[in-house]
Full PDB file with SEQRES, HELIX, SHEET, SSBOND, CRYST1, ORIGX, SCALE, CONECT and MASTER records, all heavy atoms in Angstrom:
SEQRES   1 A   38  ILE GLU HIS ALA LEU LEU PRO TYR ASP LEU GLU ALA LEU          
SEQRES   2 A   38  LEU ILE GLU VAL GLU LEU LEU ALA ASP TRP TYR VAL PRO          
SEQRES   3 A   38  HIS ILE ILE GLY THR GLN LEU SER GLY SER ALA ARG              
HELIX    1 AA1 LEU A   10  LEU A   19  1                                  10    
HELIX    2 AA2 LEU A   20  ILE A   29  3                                  10    
CRYST1    1.000    1.000    1.000  90.00  90.00  90.00 P 1           1          
ORIGX1      1.000000  0.000000  0.000000        0.00000                         
ORIGX2      0.000000  1.000000  0.000000        0.00000                         
ORIGX3      0.000000  0.000000  1.000000        0.00000                         
SCALE1      1.000000  0.000000  0.000000        0.00000                         
SCALE2      0.000000  1.000000  0.000000        0.00000                         
SCALE3      0.000000  0.000000  1.000000        0.00000                         
ATOM      1  N   ILE A   1       0.851  -1.173   0.007  1.00  0.00           N  
ATOM      2  CA  ILE A   1       0.000  -0.005  -0.002  1.00  0.00           C  
ATOM      3  C   ILE A   1       0.850   1.236  -0.011  1.00  0.00           C  
ATOM      4  O   ILE A   1       1.769   1.349   0.843  1.00  0.00           O  
ATOM      5  CB  ILE A   1      -0.918   0.026   1.234  1.00  0.00           C  
ATOM      6  CG1 ILE A   1      -1.801  -1.212   1.313  1.00  0.00           C  
ATOM      7  CG2 ILE A   1      -1.803   1.303   1.195  1.00  0.00           C  
ATOM      8  CD1 ILE A   1      -2.660  -1.319   2.547  1.00  0.00           C  
ATOM      9  N   GLU A   2       0.606   2.126  -0.921  1.00  0.00           N  
ATOM     10  CA  GLU A   2       1.385   3.403  -0.993  1.00  0.00           C  
ATOM     11  C   GLU A   2       0.396   4.566  -1.005  1.00  0.00           C  
ATOM     12  O   GLU A   2      -0.759   4.428  -1.337  1.00  0.00           O  
ATOM     13  CB  GLU A   2       2.236   3.450  -2.249  1.00  0.00           C  
ATOM     14  CG  GLU A   2       3.379   2.424  -2.242  1.00  0.00           C  
ATOM     15  CD  GLU A   2       4.254   2.545  -3.460  1.00  0.00           C  
ATOM     16  OE1 GLU A   2       3.675   2.861  -4.554  1.00  0.00           O  
ATOM     17  OE2 GLU A   2       5.457   2.272  -3.376  1.00  0.00           O  
ATOM     18  N   HIS A   3       0.944   5.745  -0.692  1.00  0.00           N  
ATOM     19  CA  HIS A   3       0.158   6.981  -0.702  1.00  0.00           C  
ATOM     20  C   HIS A   3       0.923   7.969  -1.474  1.00  0.00           C  
ATOM     21  O   HIS A   3       2.056   8.314  -1.240  1.00  0.00           O  
ATOM     22  CB  HIS A   3      -0.024   7.506   0.737  1.00  0.00           C  
ATOM     23  CG  HIS A   3      -0.630   8.885   0.806  1.00  0.00           C  
ATOM     24  ND1 HIS A   3      -1.937   9.152   0.514  1.00  0.00           N  
ATOM     25  CD2 HIS A   3      -0.058  10.095   1.117  1.00  0.00           C  
ATOM     26  CE1 HIS A   3      -2.166  10.446   0.619  1.00  0.00           C  
ATOM     27  NE2 HIS A   3      -1.035  11.058   1.024  1.00  0.00           N  
ATOM     28  N   ALA A   4       0.207   8.495  -2.552  1.00  0.00           N  
ATOM     29  CA  ALA A   4       0.805   9.542  -3.366  1.00  0.00           C  
ATOM     30  C   ALA A   4       0.350  10.919  -2.981  1.00  0.00           C  
ATOM     31  O   ALA A   4      -0.883  11.139  -2.812  1.00  0.00           O  
ATOM     32  CB  ALA A   4       0.419   9.286  -4.833  1.00  0.00           C  
ATOM     33  N   LEU A   5       1.252  11.830  -2.702  1.00  0.00           N  
ATOM     34  CA  LEU A   5       0.840  13.150  -2.404  1.00  0.00           C  
ATOM     35  C   LEU A   5       0.318  13.884  -3.617  1.00  0.00           C  
ATOM     36  O   LEU A   5       0.924  13.758  -4.671  1.00  0.00           O  
ATOM     37  CB  LEU A   5       2.068  13.966  -1.833  1.00  0.00           C  
ATOM     38  CG  LEU A   5       2.351  13.801  -0.347  1.00  0.00           C  
ATOM     39  CD1 LEU A   5       3.063  12.461  -0.103  1.00  0.00           C  
ATOM     40  CD2 LEU A   5       3.197  14.970   0.170  1.00  0.00           C  
ATOM     41  N   LEU A   6      -0.786  14.529  -3.469  1.00  0.00           N  
ATOM     42  CA  LEU A   6      -1.457  15.172  -4.587  1.00  0.00           C  
ATOM     43  C   LEU A   6      -0.977  16.610  -4.741  1.00  0.00           C  
ATOM     44  O   LEU A   6      -0.618  17.245  -3.762  1.00  0.00           O  
ATOM     45  CB  LEU A   6      -2.979  15.145  -4.367  1.00  0.00           C  
ATOM     46  CG  LEU A   6      -3.598  13.772  -4.261  1.00  0.00           C  
ATOM     47  CD1 LEU A   6      -5.095  13.836  -3.907  1.00  0.00           C  
ATOM     48  CD2 LEU A   6      -3.420  12.947  -5.582  1.00  0.00           C  
ATOM     49  N   PRO A   7      -1.002  17.119  -5.942  1.00  0.00           N  
ATOM     50  CA  PRO A   7      -0.641  18.543  -6.118  1.00  0.00           C  
ATOM     51  C   PRO A   7      -1.707  19.563  -5.582  1.00  0.00           C  
ATOM     52  O   PRO A   7      -2.875  19.339  -5.708  1.00  0.00           O  
ATOM     53  CB  PRO A   7      -0.543  18.674  -7.663  1.00  0.00           C  
ATOM     54  CG  PRO A   7      -1.491  17.616  -8.176  1.00  0.00           C  
ATOM     55  CD  PRO A   7      -1.451  16.509  -7.206  1.00  0.00           C  
ATOM     56  N   TYR A   8      -1.215  20.556  -4.885  1.00  0.00           N  
ATOM     57  CA  TYR A   8      -2.072  21.667  -4.416  1.00  0.00           C  
ATOM     58  C   TYR A   8      -2.342  22.532  -5.615  1.00  0.00           C  
ATOM     59  O   TYR A   8      -1.753  23.562  -5.764  1.00  0.00           O  
ATOM     60  CB  TYR A   8      -1.308  22.370  -3.305  1.00  0.00           C  
ATOM     61  CG  TYR A   8      -2.199  23.052  -2.294  1.00  0.00           C  
ATOM     62  CD1 TYR A   8      -3.541  22.888  -2.254  1.00  0.00           C  
ATOM     63  CD2 TYR A   8      -1.557  23.888  -1.283  1.00  0.00           C  
ATOM     64  CE1 TYR A   8      -4.298  23.548  -1.263  1.00  0.00           C  
ATOM     65  CE2 TYR A   8      -2.321  24.485  -0.352  1.00  0.00           C  
ATOM     66  CZ  TYR A   8      -3.693  24.331  -0.327  1.00  0.00           C  
ATOM     67  OH  TYR A   8      -4.464  24.945   0.643  1.00  0.00           O  
ATOM     68  N   ASP A   9      -3.280  22.090  -6.436  1.00  0.00           N  
ATOM     69  CA  ASP A   9      -3.451  22.683  -7.757  1.00  0.00           C  
ATOM     70  C   ASP A   9      -4.451  23.855  -7.743  1.00  0.00           C  
ATOM     71  O   ASP A   9      -4.992  24.186  -6.669  1.00  0.00           O  
ATOM     72  CB  ASP A   9      -3.862  21.617  -8.804  1.00  0.00           C  
ATOM     73  CG  ASP A   9      -5.124  20.878  -8.348  1.00  0.00           C  
ATOM     74  OD1 ASP A   9      -5.919  21.405  -7.452  1.00  0.00           O  
ATOM     75  OD2 ASP A   9      -5.417  19.835  -8.920  1.00  0.00           O  
ATOM     76  N   LEU A  10      -4.602  24.477  -8.876  1.00  0.00           N  
ATOM     77  CA  LEU A  10      -5.481  25.612  -8.980  1.00  0.00           C  
ATOM     78  C   LEU A  10      -6.918  25.324  -8.496  1.00  0.00           C  
ATOM     79  O   LEU A  10      -7.568  26.085  -7.830  1.00  0.00           O  
ATOM     80  CB  LEU A  10      -5.525  26.180 -10.425  1.00  0.00           C  
ATOM     81  CG  LEU A  10      -6.416  27.396 -10.634  1.00  0.00           C  
ATOM     82  CD1 LEU A  10      -5.885  28.597  -9.804  1.00  0.00           C  
ATOM     83  CD2 LEU A  10      -6.444  27.758 -12.111  1.00  0.00           C  
ATOM     84  N   GLU A  11      -7.418  24.165  -8.885  1.00  0.00           N  
ATOM     85  CA  GLU A  11      -8.762  23.735  -8.476  1.00  0.00           C  
ATOM     86  C   GLU A  11      -8.904  23.745  -6.962  1.00  0.00           C  
ATOM     87  O   GLU A  11      -9.900  24.208  -6.395  1.00  0.00           O  
ATOM     88  CB  GLU A  11      -9.111  22.372  -9.097  1.00  0.00           C  
ATOM     89  CG  GLU A  11     -10.533  21.918  -8.830  1.00  0.00           C  
ATOM     90  CD  GLU A  11     -10.779  20.545  -9.399  1.00  0.00           C  
ATOM     91  OE1 GLU A  11      -9.912  19.615  -9.207  1.00  0.00           O  
ATOM     92  OE2 GLU A  11     -11.867  20.351  -9.998  1.00  0.00           O  
ATOM     93  N   ALA A  12      -7.916  23.211  -6.257  1.00  0.00           N  
ATOM     94  CA  ALA A  12      -7.968  23.124  -4.812  1.00  0.00           C  
ATOM     95  C   ALA A  12      -7.860  24.506  -4.179  1.00  0.00           C  
ATOM     96  O   ALA A  12      -8.632  24.858  -3.290  1.00  0.00           O  
ATOM     97  CB  ALA A  12      -6.884  22.180  -4.311  1.00  0.00           C  
ATOM     98  N   LEU A  13      -6.919  25.314  -4.675  1.00  0.00           N  
ATOM     99  CA  LEU A  13      -6.701  26.620  -4.128  1.00  0.00           C  
ATOM    100  C   LEU A  13      -7.882  27.499  -4.295  1.00  0.00           C  
ATOM    101  O   LEU A  13      -8.260  28.360  -3.443  1.00  0.00           O  
ATOM    102  CB  LEU A  13      -5.469  27.235  -4.720  1.00  0.00           C  
ATOM    103  CG  LEU A  13      -4.115  26.562  -4.336  1.00  0.00           C  
ATOM    104  CD1 LEU A  13      -3.029  26.971  -5.304  1.00  0.00           C  
ATOM    105  CD2 LEU A  13      -3.714  26.847  -2.922  1.00  0.00           C  
ATOM    106  N   LEU A  14      -8.556  27.420  -5.437  1.00  0.00           N  
ATOM    107  CA  LEU A  14      -9.728  28.234  -5.729  1.00  0.00           C  
ATOM    108  C   LEU A  14     -10.965  27.845  -4.923  1.00  0.00           C  
ATOM    109  O   LEU A  14     -11.710  28.741  -4.418  1.00  0.00           O  
ATOM    110  CB  LEU A  14     -10.053  28.251  -7.225  1.00  0.00           C  
ATOM    111  CG  LEU A  14      -9.120  29.042  -8.154  1.00  0.00           C  
ATOM    112  CD1 LEU A  14      -9.650  28.957  -9.578  1.00  0.00           C  
ATOM    113  CD2 LEU A  14      -8.938  30.461  -7.675  1.00  0.00           C  
ATOM    114  N   ILE A  15     -11.210  26.586  -4.791  1.00  0.00           N  
ATOM    115  CA  ILE A  15     -12.347  26.149  -4.054  1.00  0.00           C  
ATOM    116  C   ILE A  15     -12.238  26.552  -2.566  1.00  0.00           C  
ATOM    117  O   ILE A  15     -13.239  26.757  -1.869  1.00  0.00           O  
ATOM    118  CB  ILE A  15     -12.710  24.657  -4.202  1.00  0.00           C  
ATOM    119  CG1 ILE A  15     -14.167  24.434  -3.885  1.00  0.00           C  
ATOM    120  CG2 ILE A  15     -11.831  23.779  -3.308  1.00  0.00           C  
ATOM    121  CD1 ILE A  15     -14.652  23.024  -4.308  1.00  0.00           C  
ATOM    122  N   GLU A  16     -10.984  26.654  -2.099  1.00  0.00           N  
ATOM    123  CA  GLU A  16     -10.761  27.114  -0.758  1.00  0.00           C  
ATOM    124  C   GLU A  16     -11.114  28.556  -0.563  1.00  0.00           C  
ATOM    125  O   GLU A  16     -11.734  28.981   0.382  1.00  0.00           O  
ATOM    126  CB  GLU A  16      -9.326  26.793  -0.324  1.00  0.00           C  
ATOM    127  CG  GLU A  16      -9.032  25.305  -0.113  1.00  0.00           C  
ATOM    128  CD  GLU A  16      -7.657  25.070   0.351  1.00  0.00           C  
ATOM    129  OE1 GLU A  16      -6.730  25.882   0.084  1.00  0.00           O  
ATOM    130  OE2 GLU A  16      -7.428  24.007   0.974  1.00  0.00           O  
ATOM    131  N   VAL A  17     -10.604  29.444  -1.504  1.00  0.00           N  
ATOM    132  CA  VAL A  17     -10.921  30.861  -1.362  1.00  0.00           C  
ATOM    133  C   VAL A  17     -12.388  31.121  -1.513  1.00  0.00           C  
ATOM    134  O   VAL A  17     -12.952  32.083  -1.008  1.00  0.00           O  
ATOM    135  CB  VAL A  17     -10.086  31.758  -2.286  1.00  0.00           C  
ATOM    136  CG1 VAL A  17      -8.595  31.614  -2.026  1.00  0.00           C  
ATOM    137  CG2 VAL A  17     -10.365  31.435  -3.743  1.00  0.00           C  
ATOM    138  N   GLU A  18     -13.101  30.298  -2.251  1.00  0.00           N  
ATOM    139  CA  GLU A  18     -14.513  30.400  -2.441  1.00  0.00           C  
ATOM    140  C   GLU A  18     -15.306  30.268  -1.133  1.00  0.00           C  
ATOM    141  O   GLU A  18     -16.437  30.690  -1.040  1.00  0.00           O  
ATOM    142  CB  GLU A  18     -15.028  29.435  -3.510  1.00  0.00           C  
ATOM    143  CG  GLU A  18     -14.757  29.814  -4.928  1.00  0.00           C  
ATOM    144  CD  GLU A  18     -15.445  28.865  -5.886  1.00  0.00           C  
ATOM    145  OE1 GLU A  18     -16.592  29.156  -6.238  1.00  0.00           O  
ATOM    146  OE2 GLU A  18     -14.840  27.849  -6.258  1.00  0.00           O  
ATOM    147  N   LEU A  19     -14.649  29.632  -0.157  1.00  0.00           N  
ATOM    148  CA  LEU A  19     -15.344  29.551   1.144  1.00  0.00           C  
ATOM    149  C   LEU A  19     -15.660  30.887   1.735  1.00  0.00           C  
ATOM    150  O   LEU A  19     -16.622  31.086   2.497  1.00  0.00           O  
ATOM    151  CB  LEU A  19     -14.421  28.750   2.155  1.00  0.00           C  
ATOM    152  CG  LEU A  19     -14.202  27.261   1.820  1.00  0.00           C  
ATOM    153  CD1 LEU A  19     -13.160  26.686   2.718  1.00  0.00           C  
ATOM    154  CD2 LEU A  19     -15.529  26.495   1.918  1.00  0.00           C  
ATOM    155  N   LEU A  20     -14.851  31.900   1.391  1.00  0.00           N  
ATOM    156  CA  LEU A  20     -15.150  33.247   1.837  1.00  0.00           C  
ATOM    157  C   LEU A  20     -16.506  33.727   1.278  1.00  0.00           C  
ATOM    158  O   LEU A  20     -17.294  34.287   2.031  1.00  0.00           O  
ATOM    159  CB  LEU A  20     -14.015  34.167   1.325  1.00  0.00           C  
ATOM    160  CG  LEU A  20     -14.239  35.658   1.697  1.00  0.00           C  
ATOM    161  CD1 LEU A  20     -13.361  36.051   2.930  1.00  0.00           C  
ATOM    162  CD2 LEU A  20     -13.925  36.589   0.555  1.00  0.00           C  
ATOM    163  N   ALA A  21     -16.688  33.466   0.002  1.00  0.00           N  
ATOM    164  CA  ALA A  21     -17.947  33.871  -0.662  1.00  0.00           C  
ATOM    165  C   ALA A  21     -19.114  33.054  -0.143  1.00  0.00           C  
ATOM    166  O   ALA A  21     -20.242  33.555   0.024  1.00  0.00           O  
ATOM    167  CB  ALA A  21     -17.830  33.757  -2.145  1.00  0.00           C  
ATOM    168  N   ASP A  22     -18.908  31.760   0.102  1.00  0.00           N  
ATOM    169  CA  ASP A  22     -19.975  30.857   0.447  1.00  0.00           C  
ATOM    170  C   ASP A  22     -20.395  31.001   1.917  1.00  0.00           C  
ATOM    171  O   ASP A  22     -21.606  30.800   2.234  1.00  0.00           O  
ATOM    172  CB  ASP A  22     -19.547  29.388   0.209  1.00  0.00           C  
ATOM    173  CG  ASP A  22     -19.316  29.082  -1.231  1.00  0.00           C  
ATOM    174  OD1 ASP A  22     -19.935  29.799  -2.082  1.00  0.00           O  
ATOM    175  OD2 ASP A  22     -18.563  28.167  -1.581  1.00  0.00           O  
ATOM    176  N   TRP A  23     -19.484  31.310   2.816  1.00  0.00           N  
ATOM    177  CA  TRP A  23     -19.817  31.314   4.255  1.00  0.00           C  
ATOM    178  C   TRP A  23     -19.530  32.625   4.969  1.00  0.00           C  
ATOM    179  O   TRP A  23     -20.384  33.090   5.695  1.00  0.00           O  
ATOM    180  CB  TRP A  23     -19.023  30.149   4.972  1.00  0.00           C  
ATOM    181  CG  TRP A  23     -19.427  28.809   4.451  1.00  0.00           C  
ATOM    182  CD1 TRP A  23     -18.918  28.067   3.469  1.00  0.00           C  
ATOM    183  CD2 TRP A  23     -20.575  28.039   4.911  1.00  0.00           C  
ATOM    184  NE1 TRP A  23     -19.556  26.908   3.276  1.00  0.00           N  
ATOM    185  CE2 TRP A  23     -20.569  26.869   4.164  1.00  0.00           C  
ATOM    186  CE3 TRP A  23     -21.488  28.226   5.922  1.00  0.00           C  
ATOM    187  CZ2 TRP A  23     -21.514  25.860   4.393  1.00  0.00           C  
ATOM    188  CZ3 TRP A  23     -22.455  27.253   6.158  1.00  0.00           C  
ATOM    189  CH2 TRP A  23     -22.488  26.089   5.398  1.00  0.00           C  
ATOM    190  N   TYR A  24     -18.353  33.167   4.772  1.00  0.00           N  
ATOM    191  CA  TYR A  24     -18.021  34.366   5.501  1.00  0.00           C  
ATOM    192  C   TYR A  24     -18.846  35.587   5.059  1.00  0.00           C  
ATOM    193  O   TYR A  24     -19.362  36.331   5.898  1.00  0.00           O  
ATOM    194  CB  TYR A  24     -16.508  34.669   5.316  1.00  0.00           C  
ATOM    195  CG  TYR A  24     -16.022  35.909   6.026  1.00  0.00           C  
ATOM    196  CD1 TYR A  24     -15.669  35.897   7.357  1.00  0.00           C  
ATOM    197  CD2 TYR A  24     -15.962  37.138   5.344  1.00  0.00           C  
ATOM    198  CE1 TYR A  24     -15.247  37.044   8.021  1.00  0.00           C  
ATOM    199  CE2 TYR A  24     -15.506  38.263   5.953  1.00  0.00           C  
ATOM    200  CZ  TYR A  24     -15.157  38.252   7.262  1.00  0.00           C  
ATOM    201  OH  TYR A  24     -14.746  39.394   7.913  1.00  0.00           O  
ATOM    202  N   VAL A  25     -18.966  35.803   3.776  1.00  0.00           N  
ATOM    203  CA  VAL A  25     -19.624  36.999   3.314  1.00  0.00           C  
ATOM    204  C   VAL A  25     -21.163  36.969   3.726  1.00  0.00           C  
ATOM    205  O   VAL A  25     -21.627  37.925   4.301  1.00  0.00           O  
ATOM    206  CB  VAL A  25     -19.507  37.135   1.781  1.00  0.00           C  
ATOM    207  CG1 VAL A  25     -20.414  38.267   1.245  1.00  0.00           C  
ATOM    208  CG2 VAL A  25     -18.055  37.409   1.389  1.00  0.00           C  
ATOM    209  N   PRO A  26     -21.878  35.880   3.417  1.00  0.00           N  
ATOM    210  CA  PRO A  26     -23.324  35.935   3.829  1.00  0.00           C  
ATOM    211  C   PRO A  26     -23.524  35.881   5.326  1.00  0.00           C  
ATOM    212  O   PRO A  26     -24.529  36.482   5.812  1.00  0.00           O  
ATOM    213  CB  PRO A  26     -23.950  34.725   3.121  1.00  0.00           C  
ATOM    214  CG  PRO A  26     -22.784  33.806   2.853  1.00  0.00           C  
ATOM    215  CD  PRO A  26     -21.569  34.657   2.672  1.00  0.00           C  
ATOM    216  N   HIS A  27     -22.741  35.133   6.050  1.00  0.00           N  
ATOM    217  CA  HIS A  27     -23.031  34.855   7.471  1.00  0.00           C  
ATOM    218  C   HIS A  27     -22.343  35.807   8.429  1.00  0.00           C  
ATOM    219  O   HIS A  27     -22.795  36.041   9.542  1.00  0.00           O  
ATOM    220  CB  HIS A  27     -22.694  33.439   7.838  1.00  0.00           C  
ATOM    221  CG  HIS A  27     -23.510  32.397   7.070  1.00  0.00           C  
ATOM    222  ND1 HIS A  27     -24.873  32.351   7.176  1.00  0.00           N  
ATOM    223  CD2 HIS A  27     -23.136  31.470   6.223  1.00  0.00           C  
ATOM    224  CE1 HIS A  27     -25.343  31.373   6.378  1.00  0.00           C  
ATOM    225  NE2 HIS A  27     -24.286  30.758   5.810  1.00  0.00           N  
ATOM    226  N   ILE A  28     -21.237  36.437   8.055  1.00  0.00           N  
ATOM    227  CA  ILE A  28     -20.499  37.348   8.891  1.00  0.00           C  
ATOM    228  C   ILE A  28     -20.687  38.770   8.471  1.00  0.00           C  
ATOM    229  O   ILE A  28     -21.048  39.645   9.211  1.00  0.00           O  
ATOM    230  CB  ILE A  28     -19.023  36.936   8.997  1.00  0.00           C  
ATOM    231  CG1 ILE A  28     -18.866  35.491   9.432  1.00  0.00           C  
ATOM    232  CG2 ILE A  28     -18.316  37.854   9.971  1.00  0.00           C  
ATOM    233  CD1 ILE A  28     -19.465  35.166  10.761  1.00  0.00           C  
ATOM    234  N   ILE A  29     -20.456  39.009   7.153  1.00  0.00           N  
ATOM    235  CA  ILE A  29     -20.588  40.339   6.610  1.00  0.00           C  
ATOM    236  C   ILE A  29     -22.098  40.699   6.415  1.00  0.00           C  
ATOM    237  O   ILE A  29     -22.478  41.850   6.577  1.00  0.00           O  
ATOM    238  CB  ILE A  29     -19.867  40.445   5.245  1.00  0.00           C  
ATOM    239  CG1 ILE A  29     -18.356  40.192   5.427  1.00  0.00           C  
ATOM    240  CG2 ILE A  29     -20.087  41.860   4.596  1.00  0.00           C  
ATOM    241  CD1 ILE A  29     -17.663  41.218   6.294  1.00  0.00           C  
ATOM    242  N   GLY A  30     -22.880  39.688   6.127  1.00  0.00           N  
ATOM    243  CA  GLY A  30     -24.330  39.891   6.000  1.00  0.00           C  
ATOM    244  C   GLY A  30     -24.775  40.350   4.658  1.00  0.00           C  
ATOM    245  O   GLY A  30     -25.852  40.936   4.529  1.00  0.00           O  
ATOM    246  N   THR A  31     -23.986  40.090   3.627  1.00  0.00           N  
ATOM    247  CA  THR A  31     -24.331  40.473   2.267  1.00  0.00           C  
ATOM    248  C   THR A  31     -24.195  39.266   1.375  1.00  0.00           C  
ATOM    249  O   THR A  31     -23.805  38.212   1.809  1.00  0.00           O  
ATOM    250  CB  THR A  31     -23.435  41.598   1.775  1.00  0.00           C  
ATOM    251  OG1 THR A  31     -22.126  41.214   1.773  1.00  0.00           O  
ATOM    252  CG2 THR A  31     -23.583  42.857   2.660  1.00  0.00           C  
ATOM    253  N   GLN A  32     -24.487  39.440   0.097  1.00  0.00           N  
ATOM    254  CA  GLN A  32     -24.344  38.409  -0.916  1.00  0.00           C  
ATOM    255  C   GLN A  32     -23.481  38.984  -2.060  1.00  0.00           C  
ATOM    256  O   GLN A  32     -23.769  40.149  -2.472  1.00  0.00           O  
ATOM    257  CB  GLN A  32     -25.662  37.889  -1.430  1.00  0.00           C  
ATOM    258  CG  GLN A  32     -26.424  37.082  -0.462  1.00  0.00           C  
ATOM    259  CD  GLN A  32     -25.927  35.710  -0.223  1.00  0.00           C  
ATOM    260  OE1 GLN A  32     -25.038  35.232  -0.952  1.00  0.00           O  
ATOM    261  NE2 GLN A  32     -26.454  34.980   0.821  1.00  0.00           N  
ATOM    262  N   LEU A  33     -22.585  38.254  -2.624  1.00  0.00           N  
ATOM    263  CA  LEU A  33     -21.851  38.703  -3.774  1.00  0.00           C  
ATOM    264  C   LEU A  33     -22.684  38.437  -5.020  1.00  0.00           C  
ATOM    265  O   LEU A  33     -23.332  37.428  -5.153  1.00  0.00           O  
ATOM    266  CB  LEU A  33     -20.551  37.944  -3.894  1.00  0.00           C  
ATOM    267  CG  LEU A  33     -19.457  38.215  -2.863  1.00  0.00           C  
ATOM    268  CD1 LEU A  33     -18.263  37.295  -3.069  1.00  0.00           C  
ATOM    269  CD2 LEU A  33     -19.025  39.632  -2.826  1.00  0.00           C  
ATOM    270  N   SER A  34     -22.597  39.368  -5.937  1.00  0.00           N  
ATOM    271  CA  SER A  34     -23.266  39.186  -7.226  1.00  0.00           C  
ATOM    272  C   SER A  34     -22.470  38.180  -8.045  1.00  0.00           C  
ATOM    273  O   SER A  34     -21.307  37.885  -7.732  1.00  0.00           O  
ATOM    274  CB  SER A  34     -23.332  40.490  -7.976  1.00  0.00           C  
ATOM    275  OG  SER A  34     -22.081  40.977  -8.303  1.00  0.00           O  
ATOM    276  N   GLY A  35     -23.122  37.636  -9.053  1.00  0.00           N  
ATOM    277  CA  GLY A  35     -22.371  36.682  -9.934  1.00  0.00           C  
ATOM    278  C   GLY A  35     -21.164  37.314 -10.581  1.00  0.00           C  
ATOM    279  O   GLY A  35     -20.158  36.671 -10.692  1.00  0.00           O  
ATOM    280  N   SER A  36     -21.244  38.578 -10.982  1.00  0.00           N  
ATOM    281  CA  SER A  36     -20.134  39.206 -11.605  1.00  0.00           C  
ATOM    282  C   SER A  36     -19.002  39.452 -10.599  1.00  0.00           C  
ATOM    283  O   SER A  36     -17.818  39.295 -10.973  1.00  0.00           O  
ATOM    284  CB  SER A  36     -20.539  40.536 -12.279  1.00  0.00           C  
ATOM    285  OG  SER A  36     -21.141  41.393 -11.251  1.00  0.00           O  
ATOM    286  N   ALA A  37     -19.368  39.808  -9.379  1.00  0.00           N  
ATOM    287  CA  ALA A  37     -18.323  40.037  -8.298  1.00  0.00           C  
ATOM    288  C   ALA A  37     -17.606  38.733  -8.002  1.00  0.00           C  
ATOM    289  O   ALA A  37     -16.394  38.745  -7.855  1.00  0.00           O  
ATOM    290  CB  ALA A  37     -18.955  40.617  -7.068  1.00  0.00           C  
ATOM    291  N   ARG A  38     -18.348  37.637  -7.970  1.00  0.00           N  
ATOM    292  CA  ARG A  38     -17.716  36.335  -7.651  1.00  0.00           C  
ATOM    293  C   ARG A  38     -16.805  35.916  -8.828  1.00  0.00           C  
ATOM    294  O   ARG A  38     -15.694  35.418  -8.603  1.00  0.00           O  
ATOM    295  CB  ARG A  38     -18.802  35.308  -7.409  1.00  0.00           C  
ATOM    296  CG  ARG A  38     -18.270  33.974  -6.913  1.00  0.00           C  
ATOM    297  CD  ARG A  38     -19.394  33.034  -6.735  1.00  0.00           C  
ATOM    298  NE  ARG A  38     -18.947  31.740  -6.175  1.00  0.00           N  
ATOM    299  CZ  ARG A  38     -19.259  31.277  -4.969  1.00  0.00           C  
ATOM    300  NH1 ARG A  38     -20.102  31.996  -4.196  1.00  0.00           N  
ATOM    301  NH2 ARG A  38     -18.817  30.153  -4.482  1.00  0.00           N  
TER     302      ARG A  38                                                      
MASTER        0    0    0    2    0    0    0    6  301    1    0    3          
END                                                                             
């Protein structure tokens, strides 16, 4: 059994920053981002 380390690629890095839009902005800031802003 082996484990291959995966690349910290653009897909991973972007879905992480999207957490700001998905959770922080609506629940802490109290607003919603428009589609164009996102």
